[in-house]
Amino acid sequence: MTETDHQRKHAVRSFWIGIAFFVASSVAIYIASRNGGGVIWYGGLIVGIASLVRAVMSYRASRASGGPALTSRAMAVVGIALLVSVVAGGVAASSWVESENVTATVGSCWKLDGDQAVAVPCSASHSYRAIAEVTDEAQCPQEYIGTVEGDAGKLLCMVDD
C-alpha cells in the first residue's frame, strides 16, 4: 500500500468516525436537554469535529501526493453526511438553548425526577404546569395540586398538564 493510499484510507476512516461521533453526540445532547441536562456529550462533538478536520487534512495530503479526487458519487455521499451532521447539530443546539432558557415562572412546565419537581421545556415530556405565583399556598387557585418554590420566596401553584 502506497503512502497516498494510506492517506486516503485514513481520510475516509476519519471522516466516518467524525460523522458518527458528531451525529451520535447531537442526538444525545438533544435527548439530555429534554430530560434536564447533561454536558458530557459535548466532548463527542469535539471528537467529531477533530476527526473531520483530520479527514480533510489526510485527503488534502493524499491529493498533494498525486492521489485521485473523490468521484461525484463520493462527493454526494460526503455532502449528504455533512448535511445530516449540520441538521442534527442544529436541532441539538436549539434544544439546548430552549432547555437553558427554562425559568420557574407562571406557565413553566415541570416533571418529577424521583421525589423532586424539575423545570423542563414545555415541548418536552412533562406532567405539570405552573398556573399562579403566590406568597402563601392558601392563595393558590382551587384546581392546584401542589406547589414548588419559585424565585424570591414565592410559590408556584401547579396543575396536571
Protein backbone atom coordinates (compact mmCIF):
# COMPACT_ATOMS: atom_id res chain seq x y z
CA MET A 1 0.00 0.00 0.00
CA THR A 2 1.45 3.35 -1.02
CA GLU A 3 1.57 6.42 1.23
CA THR A 4 -1.14 8.03 -0.93
CA ASP A 5 -3.41 5.02 -0.45
CA HIS A 6 -2.75 5.08 3.27
CA GLN A 7 -3.61 8.80 3.47
CA ARG A 8 -6.81 8.29 1.51
CA LYS A 9 -7.85 5.33 3.67
CA HIS A 10 -7.13 7.40 6.79
CA ALA A 11 -9.20 10.26 5.37
CA VAL A 12 -12.20 8.00 4.74
CA ARG A 13 -11.97 6.34 8.16
CA SER A 14 -11.56 9.68 9.97
CA PHE A 15 -14.47 11.17 8.03
CA TRP A 16 -16.92 8.41 9.00
CA ILE A 17 -15.71 8.36 12.60
CA GLY A 18 -16.20 12.13 12.75
CA ILE A 19 -19.69 11.94 11.27
CA ALA A 20 -20.65 9.11 13.66
CA PHE A 21 -19.38 10.98 16.74
CA PHE A 22 -20.96 14.26 15.69
CA VAL A 23 -24.40 12.82 14.91
CA ALA A 24 -24.46 10.49 17.95
CA SER A 25 -23.41 13.34 20.25
CA SER A 26 -26.01 15.66 18.72
CA VAL A 27 -28.74 13.10 19.34
CA ALA A 28 -27.51 12.56 22.91
CA ILE A 29 -27.46 16.32 23.56
CA TYR A 30 -30.99 16.62 22.20
CA ILE A 31 -32.22 13.82 24.47
CA ALA A 32 -30.30 15.07 27.50
CA SER A 33 -31.53 18.65 27.12
CA ARG A 34 -35.10 17.38 27.02
CA ASN A 35 -34.54 15.45 30.26
CA GLY A 36 -32.87 18.03 32.44
CA GLY A 37 -29.36 18.33 31.05
CA GLY A 38 -26.01 16.67 30.87
CA VAL A 39 -22.79 18.08 29.42
CA ILE A 40 -20.62 15.02 28.82
CA TRP A 41 -21.89 14.74 25.25
CA TYR A 42 -20.19 17.97 24.19
CA GLY A 43 -16.93 16.04 24.21
CA GLY A 44 -18.34 13.85 21.45
CA LEU A 45 -18.93 16.90 19.31
CA ILE A 46 -15.32 17.95 19.82
CA VAL A 47 -14.08 14.46 18.89
CA GLY A 48 -16.32 14.51 15.81
CA ILE A 49 -15.08 17.88 14.65
CA ALA A 50 -11.44 16.92 15.29
CA SER A 51 -11.90 13.74 13.30
CA LEU A 52 -13.47 15.65 10.41
CA VAL A 53 -10.54 18.08 10.40
CA ARG A 54 -8.11 15.13 10.34
CA ALA A 55 -10.08 13.65 7.42
CA VAL A 56 -9.76 16.86 5.42
CA MET A 57 -6.04 17.10 6.17
CA SER A 58 -5.47 13.46 5.15
CA TYR A 59 -7.48 13.91 1.96
CA ARG A 60 -5.51 17.03 1.06
CA ALA A 61 -2.23 15.18 1.71
CA SER A 62 -3.45 12.34 -0.48
CA ARG A 63 -4.30 14.76 -3.30
CA ALA A 64 -0.98 16.61 -2.91
CA SER A 65 0.92 13.35 -3.35
CA GLY A 66 -0.95 12.52 -6.56
CA GLY A 67 -3.97 10.64 -5.25
CA PRO A 68 -7.24 10.75 -7.21
CA ALA A 69 -10.01 13.20 -6.42
CA LEU A 70 -13.28 11.96 -4.99
CA THR A 71 -15.81 10.83 -7.56
CA SER A 72 -19.05 12.75 -7.93
CA ARG A 73 -20.87 9.90 -6.19
CA ALA A 74 -18.45 10.05 -3.24
CA MET A 75 -18.84 13.84 -3.09
CA ALA A 76 -22.63 13.41 -2.97
CA VAL A 77 -22.29 10.96 -0.07
CA VAL A 78 -19.95 13.36 1.73
CA GLY A 79 -22.40 16.21 1.17
CA ILE A 80 -25.35 14.22 2.48
CA ALA A 81 -23.39 13.06 5.54
CA LEU A 82 -22.32 16.64 6.28
CA LEU A 83 -25.89 17.88 5.81
CA VAL A 84 -27.20 15.27 8.25
CA SER A 85 -24.50 16.33 10.73
CA VAL A 86 -25.33 20.01 10.41
CA VAL A 87 -29.07 19.38 10.82
CA ALA A 88 -28.50 17.10 13.84
CA GLY A 89 -26.18 19.70 15.37
CA GLY A 90 -28.70 22.47 14.74
CA VAL A 91 -31.55 20.53 16.33
CA ALA A 92 -29.35 19.72 19.33
CA ALA A 93 -28.27 23.35 19.67
CA SER A 94 -31.85 24.67 19.53
CA SER A 95 -32.96 22.07 22.08
CA TRP A 96 -30.08 23.03 24.37
CA VAL A 97 -30.87 26.76 24.06
CA GLU A 98 -34.52 26.05 24.83
CA SER A 99 -33.63 24.00 27.91
CA GLU A 100 -31.21 26.67 29.16
CA ASN A 101 -33.99 29.28 28.97
CA VAL A 102 -36.36 27.38 31.26
CA THR A 103 -37.35 29.55 34.22
CA ALA A 104 -39.56 28.94 37.25
CA THR A 105 -42.40 31.26 36.30
CA VAL A 106 -46.12 31.10 35.65
CA GLY A 107 -46.63 28.97 32.55
CA SER A 108 -43.46 26.90 33.11
CA CYS A 109 -43.65 23.12 32.77
CA TRP A 110 -42.43 20.54 35.27
CA LYS A 111 -41.83 16.83 35.64
CA LEU A 112 -40.98 14.61 38.58
CA ASP A 113 -37.42 13.36 38.84
CA GLY A 114 -37.51 10.97 41.78
CA ASP A 115 -39.17 12.96 44.52
CA GLN A 116 -38.24 16.40 43.12
CA ALA A 117 -40.05 18.56 40.60
CA VAL A 118 -37.75 19.74 37.79
CA ALA A 119 -38.49 22.56 35.35
CA VAL A 120 -38.34 21.36 31.72
CA PRO A 121 -39.16 22.93 28.35
CA CYS A 122 -42.89 22.72 27.68
CA SER A 123 -42.12 20.97 24.37
CA ALA A 124 -40.55 18.11 26.39
CA SER A 125 -42.40 15.42 28.28
CA HIS A 126 -43.86 16.97 31.43
CA SER A 127 -46.65 16.35 33.93
CA TYR A 128 -47.36 19.74 35.50
CA ARG A 129 -47.72 23.40 34.59
CA ALA A 130 -47.40 26.42 36.90
CA ILE A 131 -50.61 28.45 36.86
CA ALA A 132 -50.00 31.06 39.56
CA GLU A 133 -47.24 32.61 41.64
CA VAL A 134 -48.19 33.33 45.25
CA THR A 135 -46.59 34.07 48.60
CA ASP A 136 -48.78 31.61 50.53
CA GLU A 137 -50.17 28.24 49.44
CA ALA A 138 -53.66 29.32 50.57
CA GLN A 139 -53.64 31.85 47.70
CA CYS A 140 -53.41 29.12 45.03
CA PRO A 141 -56.41 28.63 42.72
CA GLN A 142 -58.81 25.85 43.71
CA GLU A 143 -57.64 23.44 40.97
CA TYR A 144 -53.98 23.38 42.09
CA ILE A 145 -52.48 20.03 43.10
CA GLY A 146 -49.26 21.20 44.73
CA THR A 147 -46.61 23.88 44.81
CA VAL A 148 -42.91 24.27 44.04
CA GLU A 149 -40.58 27.00 45.18
CA GLY A 150 -40.13 29.79 42.69
CA ASP A 151 -37.89 32.84 42.83
CA ALA A 152 -37.65 35.26 45.76
CA GLY A 153 -39.51 33.02 48.22
CA LYS A 154 -42.60 32.77 46.04
CA LEU A 155 -44.51 29.56 45.42
CA LEU A 156 -45.70 28.29 42.05
CA CYS A 157 -49.13 26.64 42.08
CA MET A 158 -49.13 23.54 39.87
CA VAL A 159 -51.85 21.70 37.94
CA ASP A 160 -51.76 18.48 35.93
CA ASP A 161 -50.92 19.18 32.31
